[in-house]
N, C-alpha and C. Protein backbone atom coordinates (compact mmCIF):
# COMPACT_ATOMS: atom_id res chain seq x y z
N UNK A 1 -148.24 52.56 -20.92
CA UNK A 1 -147.88 53.74 -21.12
C UNK A 1 -148.94 54.87 -19.77
N UNK A 2 -148.72 55.62 -19.28
CA UNK A 2 -149.28 56.88 -19.26
C UNK A 2 -149.27 58.38 -19.83
N UNK A 3 -150.34 58.16 -20.19
CA UNK A 3 -150.33 59.71 -21.11
C UNK A 3 -150.85 60.90 -20.13
N UNK A 4 -150.04 61.72 -20.25
CA UNK A 4 -150.50 63.12 -19.45
C UNK A 4 -151.50 63.79 -20.09
N UNK A 5 -152.16 63.81 -20.95
CA UNK A 5 -153.19 64.32 -21.80
C UNK A 5 -154.17 63.58 -21.52
N UNK A 6 -154.35 62.61 -20.83
CA UNK A 6 -155.75 62.10 -20.57
C UNK A 6 -156.28 61.93 -19.17
N UNK A 7 -154.95 62.79 -18.58
CA UNK A 7 -155.51 63.19 -17.00
C UNK A 7 -156.40 64.27 -17.03
N UNK A 8 -157.03 64.50 -16.14
CA UNK A 8 -158.03 65.48 -16.02
C UNK A 8 -157.21 66.22 -15.34
N UNK A 9 -156.70 67.51 -16.10
CA UNK A 9 -155.01 68.35 -15.03
C UNK A 9 -155.68 70.17 -15.15
N UNK A 10 -157.55 70.08 -15.80
CA UNK A 10 -158.20 71.26 -15.77
C UNK A 10 -158.34 72.12 -14.83
N UNK A 11 -158.23 71.43 -13.78
CA UNK A 11 -158.61 71.95 -12.26
C UNK A 11 -157.52 72.26 -11.29
N UNK A 12 -156.60 72.71 -10.42
CA UNK A 12 -155.82 73.15 -9.71
C UNK A 12 -155.80 71.89 -8.90
N UNK A 13 -154.62 71.20 -9.06
CA UNK A 13 -154.44 69.54 -8.30
C UNK A 13 -152.76 69.46 -8.44
N UNK A 14 -152.31 68.54 -6.90
CA UNK A 14 -151.39 67.88 -6.84
C UNK A 14 -151.18 66.33 -6.89
N UNK A 15 -150.16 66.07 -7.98
CA UNK A 15 -150.10 65.05 -8.38
C UNK A 15 -148.99 64.16 -7.97
N UNK A 16 -148.91 63.02 -7.00
CA UNK A 16 -148.03 62.27 -6.34
C UNK A 16 -147.74 61.04 -7.15
N UNK A 17 -146.27 60.88 -7.78
CA UNK A 17 -145.94 60.21 -8.44
C UNK A 17 -145.09 58.88 -7.77
N UNK A 18 -145.04 58.16 -7.72
CA UNK A 18 -144.58 56.86 -7.21
C UNK A 18 -143.67 55.96 -8.13
N UNK A 19 -142.61 55.92 -8.34
CA UNK A 19 -141.43 55.45 -9.34
C UNK A 19 -140.74 54.54 -8.83
N UNK A 20 -140.51 53.26 -8.99
CA UNK A 20 -139.47 52.64 -8.56
C UNK A 20 -139.70 51.04 -9.37
N UNK A 21 -139.30 49.91 -8.39
CA UNK A 21 -139.43 48.48 -8.24
C UNK A 21 -141.12 48.65 -8.16
N UNK A 22 -141.63 47.56 -9.13
CA UNK A 22 -142.97 47.11 -9.08
C UNK A 22 -143.54 46.99 -7.16
N UNK A 23 -142.89 45.90 -6.72
CA UNK A 23 -142.89 45.89 -5.18
C UNK A 23 -142.87 46.64 -4.17
N UNK A 24 -141.61 47.66 -4.70
CA UNK A 24 -141.80 49.35 -3.58
C UNK A 24 -142.81 50.26 -3.82
N UNK A 25 -143.85 50.27 -5.12
CA UNK A 25 -144.72 51.41 -5.50
C UNK A 25 -145.70 50.53 -4.83
N UNK A 26 -145.88 49.50 -5.06
CA UNK A 26 -147.25 48.43 -4.27
C UNK A 26 -147.32 48.99 -2.65
N UNK A 27 -146.09 48.20 -2.57
CA UNK A 27 -145.83 48.68 -0.75
C UNK A 27 -145.80 50.11 -0.62
N UNK A 28 -145.77 50.98 -0.75
CA UNK A 28 -145.31 52.64 -0.53
C UNK A 28 -147.15 52.69 -1.03
N UNK A 29 -147.71 52.64 -1.70
CA UNK A 29 -149.23 52.93 -1.87
C UNK A 29 -149.92 52.34 -1.05
N UNK A 30 -149.59 51.38 -0.28
CA UNK A 30 -150.41 50.15 1.38
C UNK A 30 -149.78 51.27 2.21
N UNK A 31 -148.89 51.35 2.08
CA UNK A 31 -148.06 52.21 3.35
C UNK A 31 -148.97 53.49 3.46
N UNK A 32 -149.72 54.38 2.31
CA UNK A 32 -150.83 55.42 2.18
C UNK A 32 -151.50 54.90 2.23
N UNK A 33 -151.93 53.73 2.17
CA UNK A 33 -153.73 54.00 2.78
C UNK A 33 -154.01 53.97 4.07
N UNK A 34 -152.82 52.86 4.89
CA UNK A 34 -152.86 52.24 6.10
C UNK A 34 -152.59 53.63 7.41
N UNK A 35 -152.09 55.05 6.32
CA UNK A 35 -151.74 56.07 7.24
C UNK A 35 -153.58 57.11 7.37
N UNK A 36 -154.26 56.36 5.69
CA UNK A 36 -155.17 56.97 5.81
C UNK A 36 -155.52 58.16 4.68
N UNK A 37 -154.24 58.25 4.06
CA UNK A 37 -154.21 59.24 3.38
C UNK A 37 -154.30 59.22 1.54
N UNK A 38 -154.86 57.51 1.33
CA UNK A 38 -155.08 57.57 -0.07
C UNK A 38 -156.04 55.69 0.04
N UNK A 39 -157.07 55.85 -0.82
CA UNK A 39 -157.23 54.31 -0.94
C UNK A 39 -156.32 53.92 -1.79
N UNK A 40 -156.35 52.76 -2.20
CA UNK A 40 -155.81 52.31 -3.59
C UNK A 40 -156.37 52.70 -4.52
N UNK A 41 -157.69 52.60 -4.62
CA UNK A 41 -158.40 52.74 -6.09
C UNK A 41 -158.12 53.99 -6.75
N UNK A 42 -157.67 55.12 -5.69
CA UNK A 42 -157.53 56.44 -6.24
C UNK A 42 -155.94 56.69 -7.02
N UNK A 43 -154.84 55.39 -6.91
CA UNK A 43 -154.28 55.74 -7.44
C UNK A 43 -154.43 54.91 -8.96
N UNK A 44 -153.88 55.05 -9.89
CA UNK A 44 -153.50 54.49 -11.38
C UNK A 44 -152.78 53.31 -10.93
N UNK A 45 -152.86 52.71 -12.16
CA UNK A 45 -152.42 51.27 -12.00
C UNK A 45 -151.22 51.38 -12.47
N UNK A 46 -150.31 50.66 -11.78
CA UNK A 46 -148.87 50.95 -11.99
C UNK A 46 -148.43 50.37 -13.39
N UNK A 47 -147.66 50.93 -13.82
CA UNK A 47 -147.39 51.33 -15.76
C UNK A 47 -146.03 51.06 -15.64
N UNK A 48 -145.59 49.66 -16.61
CA UNK A 48 -144.20 50.12 -16.99
C UNK A 48 -143.69 51.21 -17.51
N UNK A 49 -142.41 51.24 -17.35
CA UNK A 49 -141.77 52.31 -18.21
C UNK A 49 -140.75 51.96 -18.86
N UNK A 50 -140.91 53.06 -20.31
CA UNK A 50 -140.32 52.53 -21.43
C UNK A 50 -138.53 52.38 -21.54
N UNK A 51 -138.05 52.08 -21.91
CA UNK A 51 -136.94 51.33 -21.54
C UNK A 51 -135.87 50.96 -19.99
N UNK A 52 -137.09 51.01 -19.18
CA UNK A 52 -136.34 50.14 -17.40
C UNK A 52 -137.72 49.58 -17.14
N UNK A 53 -137.17 48.33 -17.77
CA UNK A 53 -137.97 46.97 -17.74
C UNK A 53 -138.33 47.09 -16.14
N UNK A 54 -137.55 47.07 -15.15
CA UNK A 54 -137.63 47.03 -13.53
C UNK A 54 -138.40 48.25 -12.95
N UNK A 55 -139.16 49.00 -13.73
CA UNK A 55 -139.28 50.32 -13.01
C UNK A 55 -141.00 49.69 -13.64
N UNK A 56 -141.95 51.00 -12.93
CA UNK A 56 -143.23 50.89 -12.71
C UNK A 56 -143.32 52.44 -12.35
N UNK A 57 -144.63 53.57 -12.67
CA UNK A 57 -144.96 54.75 -12.15
C UNK A 57 -146.26 54.45 -11.92
N UNK A 58 -146.95 55.14 -11.27
CA UNK A 58 -148.41 55.23 -10.67
C UNK A 58 -148.58 56.85 -9.81
N UNK A 59 -149.62 57.21 -10.25
CA UNK A 59 -149.98 58.48 -9.86
C UNK A 59 -151.06 58.86 -9.33
N UNK A 60 -151.20 59.82 -8.18
CA UNK A 60 -152.74 59.55 -7.88
C UNK A 60 -152.81 61.10 -7.90
N UNK A 61 -153.87 61.87 -8.20
CA UNK A 61 -153.80 63.10 -8.90
C UNK A 61 -154.75 63.90 -7.19
N UNK A 62 -154.68 64.59 -6.70
CA UNK A 62 -155.56 65.55 -5.15
C UNK A 62 -156.07 66.92 -6.00
N UNK A 63 -157.47 66.95 -6.08
CA UNK A 63 -158.09 68.42 -5.92
C UNK A 63 -156.77 69.49 -4.83
N UNK A 64 -156.74 70.32 -5.58
CA UNK A 64 -156.16 71.81 -4.17
C UNK A 64 -157.04 72.08 -3.99
N UNK A 65 -156.97 72.37 -1.77
CA UNK A 65 -159.15 72.63 -1.48
C UNK A 65 -158.30 74.38 -1.44
N UNK A 66 -159.21 75.25 -2.18
CA UNK A 66 -159.62 76.43 -2.27
C UNK A 66 -160.48 76.76 -1.11
């Protein structure tokens, strides 16, 4: 499981969260890569969600440009 305290949240940032079936999350990460928005390595690995065995979560954190 992803622990938000493990993420570097000290600087202002946007967090993009994909939650859904594993295949849908993977497909949308690929779509965002094809659009040039985010490379696959920028996303957290899909992680299982407690009490929802058919769902995963993946997070992308982007610094806010000042």
